[in-house]
């Protein structure tokens, strides 16, 4: 399984604001390819795309295309707000989440998927 940590001190967004925006949609159904809080719901890259869009930052696309907009860091340097990419059902990054600290990713901490 590919696990890639992205981020570091070069972040240029308000981590808490991103989490606050995403937390407004706790309980929104998971929907593969979903990009909106309206039905049918969000997928992993969709909630990030939406939250960042609300902050005026273009982080659009699938997990793979979001991966291509980022820079790798070492796992030891991970900080809240960094992105973690996984290889799941196909080769390359196919799942993404935001690290929020305490070994948690926003999906596990905030979503009912």
N, C-alpha and C. Protein backbone atom coordinates (compact mmCIF):
# COMPACT_ATOMS: atom_id res chain seq x y z
N UNK A 1 0.85 -1.18 0.00
CA UNK A 1 0.00 0.00 0.00
C UNK A 1 0.89 1.24 0.00
N UNK A 2 0.59 2.15 -0.89
CA UNK A 2 1.29 3.43 -0.94
C UNK A 2 0.70 4.34 0.13
N UNK A 3 1.53 4.88 0.97
CA UNK A 3 1.10 5.91 1.91
C UNK A 3 2.09 7.05 1.75
N UNK A 4 1.60 8.21 1.40
CA UNK A 4 2.46 9.37 1.14
C UNK A 4 1.99 10.52 2.01
N UNK A 5 2.90 11.14 2.72
CA UNK A 5 2.59 12.29 3.56
C UNK A 5 2.97 13.55 2.81
N UNK A 6 2.06 14.50 2.79
CA UNK A 6 2.25 15.73 2.02
C UNK A 6 2.04 16.92 2.93
N UNK A 7 2.87 17.93 2.82
CA UNK A 7 2.65 19.17 3.57
C UNK A 7 3.92 19.72 4.14
N UNK A 8 3.89 20.06 5.42
CA UNK A 8 5.06 20.62 6.08
C UNK A 8 4.89 22.09 6.36
N UNK A 9 5.98 22.73 6.68
CA UNK A 9 5.93 24.13 7.09
C UNK A 9 5.60 25.08 5.95
N UNK A 10 5.52 24.59 4.72
CA UNK A 10 5.18 25.43 3.58
C UNK A 10 3.69 25.61 3.38
N UNK A 11 2.89 25.11 4.30
CA UNK A 11 1.44 25.26 4.18
C UNK A 11 1.06 26.73 4.09
N UNK A 12 0.08 27.01 3.25
CA UNK A 12 -0.36 28.40 3.13
C UNK A 12 -1.87 28.49 3.28
N UNK A 13 -2.40 27.78 4.27
CA UNK A 13 -3.84 27.85 4.56
C UNK A 13 -4.06 27.70 6.05
N UNK A 14 -5.23 28.12 6.48
CA UNK A 14 -5.61 28.05 7.89
C UNK A 14 -6.19 26.66 8.16
N UNK A 15 -5.42 25.81 8.83
CA UNK A 15 -5.82 24.44 9.09
C UNK A 15 -7.13 24.40 9.86
N UNK A 16 -7.26 25.21 10.90
CA UNK A 16 -8.47 25.18 11.71
C UNK A 16 -9.69 25.60 10.90
N UNK A 17 -9.54 26.59 10.03
CA UNK A 17 -10.65 27.00 9.18
C UNK A 17 -11.07 25.86 8.26
N UNK A 18 -10.10 25.15 7.68
CA UNK A 18 -10.43 24.01 6.81
C UNK A 18 -11.20 22.96 7.60
N UNK A 19 -10.75 22.65 8.81
CA UNK A 19 -11.45 21.67 9.64
C UNK A 19 -12.82 22.16 10.06
N UNK A 20 -12.94 23.45 10.36
CA UNK A 20 -14.24 24.01 10.73
C UNK A 20 -15.24 23.88 9.57
N UNK A 21 -14.78 24.15 8.36
CA UNK A 21 -15.65 24.03 7.19
C UNK A 21 -16.07 22.58 7.01
N UNK A 22 -15.11 21.67 7.07
CA UNK A 22 -15.45 20.25 6.88
C UNK A 22 -16.38 19.74 7.98
N UNK A 23 -16.19 20.21 9.20
CA UNK A 23 -17.01 19.71 10.30
C UNK A 23 -18.48 20.10 10.15
N UNK A 24 -18.76 21.14 9.39
CA UNK A 24 -20.15 21.53 9.13
C UNK A 24 -20.91 20.44 8.38
N UNK A 25 -20.17 19.54 7.74
CA UNK A 25 -20.79 18.52 6.89
C UNK A 25 -20.64 17.12 7.45
N UNK A 26 -20.35 17.03 8.76
CA UNK A 26 -20.33 15.72 9.40
C UNK A 26 -21.66 15.05 9.17
N UNK A 27 -21.62 13.78 8.85
CA UNK A 27 -22.84 13.03 8.61
C UNK A 27 -23.32 13.08 7.17
N UNK A 28 -22.69 13.92 6.34
CA UNK A 28 -23.04 13.94 4.92
C UNK A 28 -22.67 12.59 4.33
N UNK A 29 -23.54 11.99 3.53
CA UNK A 29 -23.25 10.66 3.00
C UNK A 29 -21.99 10.63 2.14
N UNK A 30 -21.29 9.49 2.22
CA UNK A 30 -20.17 9.25 1.33
C UNK A 30 -20.75 8.91 -0.05
N UNK A 31 -20.17 9.52 -1.08
CA UNK A 31 -20.57 9.22 -2.45
C UNK A 31 -19.33 9.31 -3.32
N UNK A 32 -18.96 8.20 -3.95
CA UNK A 32 -17.77 8.16 -4.79
C UNK A 32 -17.89 9.21 -5.89
N UNK A 33 -16.91 10.09 -5.97
CA UNK A 33 -16.93 11.17 -6.97
C UNK A 33 -17.71 12.39 -6.51
N UNK A 34 -18.27 12.36 -5.29
CA UNK A 34 -19.10 13.46 -4.80
C UNK A 34 -18.28 14.70 -4.49
N UNK A 35 -18.78 15.86 -4.90
CA UNK A 35 -18.07 17.13 -4.74
C UNK A 35 -18.89 18.18 -4.01
N UNK A 36 -20.07 17.84 -3.51
CA UNK A 36 -20.99 18.84 -3.00
C UNK A 36 -21.67 18.38 -1.72
N UNK A 37 -22.00 19.32 -0.83
CA UNK A 37 -22.75 18.93 0.37
C UNK A 37 -24.19 18.56 0.05
N UNK A 38 -24.65 18.94 -1.13
CA UNK A 38 -25.99 18.53 -1.55
C UNK A 38 -25.93 17.09 -2.01
N UNK A 39 -27.08 16.44 -2.06
CA UNK A 39 -27.12 15.04 -2.47
C UNK A 39 -26.40 14.87 -3.80
N UNK A 40 -25.65 13.84 -3.98
CA UNK A 40 -25.56 12.68 -3.11
C UNK A 40 -24.54 12.78 -1.98
N UNK A 41 -23.56 13.68 -2.01
CA UNK A 41 -22.60 13.80 -0.92
C UNK A 41 -21.17 13.96 -1.40
N UNK A 42 -20.23 13.64 -0.52
CA UNK A 42 -18.80 13.83 -0.77
C UNK A 42 -18.06 12.50 -0.81
N UNK A 43 -16.92 12.51 -1.51
CA UNK A 43 -15.92 11.47 -1.29
C UNK A 43 -14.72 12.16 -0.64
N UNK A 44 -13.62 11.42 -0.47
CA UNK A 44 -12.47 11.95 0.28
C UNK A 44 -11.88 13.19 -0.37
N UNK A 45 -11.69 13.17 -1.67
CA UNK A 45 -11.12 14.35 -2.33
C UNK A 45 -12.15 15.45 -2.48
N UNK A 46 -13.41 15.08 -2.57
CA UNK A 46 -14.47 16.07 -2.74
C UNK A 46 -14.65 16.98 -1.54
N UNK A 47 -14.56 16.44 -0.32
CA UNK A 47 -14.71 17.29 0.85
C UNK A 47 -13.53 18.25 0.96
N UNK A 48 -12.33 17.79 0.60
CA UNK A 48 -11.17 18.69 0.61
C UNK A 48 -11.32 19.76 -0.46
N UNK A 49 -11.74 19.36 -1.66
CA UNK A 49 -11.96 20.32 -2.75
C UNK A 49 -12.96 21.38 -2.32
N UNK A 50 -14.06 20.95 -1.71
CA UNK A 50 -15.10 21.88 -1.29
C UNK A 50 -14.60 22.83 -0.20
N UNK A 51 -13.98 22.28 0.84
CA UNK A 51 -13.51 23.12 1.95
C UNK A 51 -12.48 24.14 1.47
N UNK A 52 -11.55 23.70 0.67
CA UNK A 52 -10.53 24.62 0.18
C UNK A 52 -11.12 25.64 -0.77
N UNK A 53 -12.10 25.23 -1.57
CA UNK A 53 -12.80 26.18 -2.44
C UNK A 53 -13.47 27.28 -1.64
N UNK A 54 -14.04 26.92 -0.48
CA UNK A 54 -14.67 27.92 0.39
C UNK A 54 -13.64 28.92 0.93
N UNK A 55 -12.38 28.50 0.96
CA UNK A 55 -11.30 29.38 1.43
C UNK A 55 -10.62 30.09 0.27
N UNK A 56 -11.11 29.87 -0.95
CA UNK A 56 -10.53 30.51 -2.12
C UNK A 56 -9.28 29.83 -2.65
N UNK A 57 -9.10 28.57 -2.31
CA UNK A 57 -7.93 27.81 -2.74
C UNK A 57 -8.37 26.70 -3.67
N UNK A 58 -7.74 26.60 -4.84
CA UNK A 58 -8.08 25.54 -5.79
C UNK A 58 -7.35 24.26 -5.40
N UNK A 59 -8.10 23.31 -4.87
CA UNK A 59 -7.58 21.98 -4.57
C UNK A 59 -8.51 20.97 -5.20
N UNK A 60 -8.91 21.26 -6.42
CA UNK A 60 -9.91 20.45 -7.12
C UNK A 60 -9.29 19.16 -7.65
N UNK A 61 -10.17 18.21 -7.92
CA UNK A 61 -9.78 16.98 -8.58
C UNK A 61 -9.83 15.76 -7.69
N UNK A 62 -9.48 14.65 -8.30
CA UNK A 62 -9.44 13.37 -7.61
C UNK A 62 -8.25 13.34 -6.65
N UNK A 63 -8.18 12.28 -5.84
CA UNK A 63 -7.02 12.13 -4.95
C UNK A 63 -5.72 12.14 -5.76
N UNK A 64 -5.72 11.50 -6.92
CA UNK A 64 -4.50 11.46 -7.74
C UNK A 64 -4.12 12.85 -8.24
N UNK A 65 -5.09 13.64 -8.69
CA UNK A 65 -4.75 14.97 -9.18
C UNK A 65 -4.40 15.91 -8.03
N UNK A 66 -5.01 15.73 -6.86
CA UNK A 66 -4.62 16.52 -5.69
C UNK A 66 -3.19 16.18 -5.28
N UNK A 67 -2.84 14.92 -5.36
CA UNK A 67 -1.48 14.49 -5.06
C UNK A 67 -0.47 15.23 -5.94
N UNK A 68 -0.82 15.41 -7.19
CA UNK A 68 0.08 16.07 -8.14
C UNK A 68 0.22 17.57 -7.87
N UNK A 69 -0.58 18.13 -6.97
CA UNK A 69 -0.49 19.54 -6.61
C UNK A 69 0.29 19.76 -5.32
N UNK A 70 0.88 18.70 -4.80
CA UNK A 70 1.50 18.76 -3.47
C UNK A 70 2.97 18.38 -3.53
N UNK A 71 3.64 18.51 -2.39
CA UNK A 71 5.06 18.17 -2.24
C UNK A 71 5.20 17.17 -1.09
N UNK A 72 5.95 16.11 -1.32
CA UNK A 72 6.15 15.09 -0.29
C UNK A 72 7.03 15.60 0.85
N UNK A 73 6.74 15.08 2.04
CA UNK A 73 7.59 15.31 3.21
C UNK A 73 7.81 13.96 3.87
N UNK A 74 8.73 13.90 4.81
CA UNK A 74 8.93 12.64 5.54
C UNK A 74 7.83 12.47 6.57
N UNK A 75 7.54 11.22 6.86
CA UNK A 75 6.48 10.92 7.83
C UNK A 75 6.79 11.50 9.21
N UNK A 76 8.05 11.62 9.54
CA UNK A 76 8.45 12.16 10.84
C UNK A 76 8.12 13.64 10.97
N UNK A 77 7.94 14.32 9.86
CA UNK A 77 7.68 15.76 9.87
C UNK A 77 6.21 16.12 9.77
N UNK A 78 5.32 15.14 9.85
CA UNK A 78 3.90 15.40 9.67
C UNK A 78 3.36 16.35 10.73
N UNK A 79 2.52 17.26 10.28
CA UNK A 79 1.89 18.26 11.15
C UNK A 79 0.39 18.32 10.83
N UNK A 80 -0.44 18.77 11.78
CA UNK A 80 -1.85 18.96 11.46
C UNK A 80 -2.00 19.83 10.21
N UNK A 81 -2.88 19.38 9.32
CA UNK A 81 -3.11 20.08 8.06
C UNK A 81 -2.40 19.44 6.89
N UNK A 82 -1.46 18.54 7.16
CA UNK A 82 -0.79 17.84 6.07
C UNK A 82 -1.74 16.80 5.48
N UNK A 83 -1.50 16.44 4.24
CA UNK A 83 -2.34 15.46 3.55
C UNK A 83 -1.65 14.11 3.55
N UNK A 84 -2.46 13.07 3.68
CA UNK A 84 -1.97 11.70 3.62
C UNK A 84 -2.69 11.03 2.46
N UNK A 85 -1.91 10.47 1.54
CA UNK A 85 -2.46 9.80 0.37
C UNK A 85 -2.22 8.30 0.48
N UNK A 86 -3.19 7.53 0.00
CA UNK A 86 -3.14 6.08 0.05
C UNK A 86 -3.40 5.50 -1.34
N UNK A 87 -2.80 4.36 -1.58
CA UNK A 87 -3.15 3.57 -2.75
C UNK A 87 -4.16 2.54 -2.27
N UNK A 88 -5.34 2.53 -2.86
CA UNK A 88 -6.39 1.60 -2.41
C UNK A 88 -6.81 0.66 -3.55
N UNK A 89 -7.74 1.05 -4.35
CA UNK A 89 -8.32 0.16 -5.35
C UNK A 89 -7.61 0.17 -6.70
N UNK A 90 -6.66 1.07 -6.88
CA UNK A 90 -5.90 1.12 -8.13
C UNK A 90 -4.50 1.64 -7.84
N UNK A 91 -3.59 1.47 -8.81
CA UNK A 91 -2.22 1.91 -8.63
C UNK A 91 -2.16 3.43 -8.53
N UNK A 92 -1.35 3.93 -7.61
CA UNK A 92 -1.21 5.36 -7.41
C UNK A 92 -2.17 5.86 -6.34
N UNK A 93 -2.10 7.14 -6.01
CA UNK A 93 -2.96 7.70 -4.96
C UNK A 93 -4.44 7.62 -5.35
N UNK A 94 -5.23 7.00 -4.48
CA UNK A 94 -6.66 6.89 -4.74
C UNK A 94 -7.50 7.24 -3.52
N UNK A 95 -6.86 7.62 -2.44
CA UNK A 95 -7.58 8.06 -1.23
C UNK A 95 -6.73 9.14 -0.57
N UNK A 96 -7.39 10.14 0.01
CA UNK A 96 -6.68 11.24 0.66
C UNK A 96 -7.42 11.67 1.91
N UNK A 97 -6.67 12.13 2.88
CA UNK A 97 -7.25 12.71 4.08
C UNK A 97 -6.31 13.76 4.63
N UNK A 98 -6.82 14.55 5.55
CA UNK A 98 -6.01 15.58 6.19
C UNK A 98 -5.66 15.12 7.60
N UNK A 99 -4.38 15.18 7.91
CA UNK A 99 -3.91 14.83 9.25
C UNK A 99 -4.33 15.93 10.22
N UNK A 100 -4.91 15.53 11.37
CA UNK A 100 -5.36 16.53 12.34
C UNK A 100 -4.62 16.42 13.67
N UNK A 101 -3.65 15.53 13.76
CA UNK A 101 -2.89 15.36 14.99
C UNK A 101 -3.32 14.11 15.74
N UNK A 102 -2.53 13.72 16.73
CA UNK A 102 -2.82 12.55 17.57
C UNK A 102 -3.07 11.29 16.76
N UNK A 103 -2.33 11.12 15.67
CA UNK A 103 -2.44 9.95 14.79
C UNK A 103 -3.82 9.80 14.18
N UNK A 104 -4.55 10.91 13.98
CA UNK A 104 -5.88 10.87 13.38
C UNK A 104 -5.89 11.65 12.06
N UNK A 105 -6.73 11.18 11.17
CA UNK A 105 -6.98 11.84 9.90
C UNK A 105 -8.41 12.35 9.96
N UNK A 106 -8.73 13.45 9.26
CA UNK A 106 -10.06 14.04 9.37
C UNK A 106 -11.16 13.06 9.09
N UNK A 107 -10.98 12.11 8.23
CA UNK A 107 -12.04 11.15 7.93
C UNK A 107 -12.42 10.33 9.16
N UNK A 108 -11.43 9.78 9.85
CA UNK A 108 -11.71 8.94 11.01
C UNK A 108 -12.29 9.75 12.17
N UNK A 109 -11.85 10.97 12.31
CA UNK A 109 -12.25 11.77 13.47
C UNK A 109 -13.60 12.43 13.30
N UNK A 110 -14.03 12.69 12.06
CA UNK A 110 -15.17 13.58 11.87
C UNK A 110 -16.29 13.04 11.01
N UNK A 111 -16.11 11.92 10.36
CA UNK A 111 -17.09 11.48 9.38
C UNK A 111 -17.73 10.17 9.77
N UNK A 112 -18.91 9.93 9.25
CA UNK A 112 -19.63 8.70 9.55
C UNK A 112 -19.57 7.72 8.39
N UNK A 113 -18.57 7.87 7.50
CA UNK A 113 -18.50 6.99 6.33
C UNK A 113 -18.20 5.58 6.75
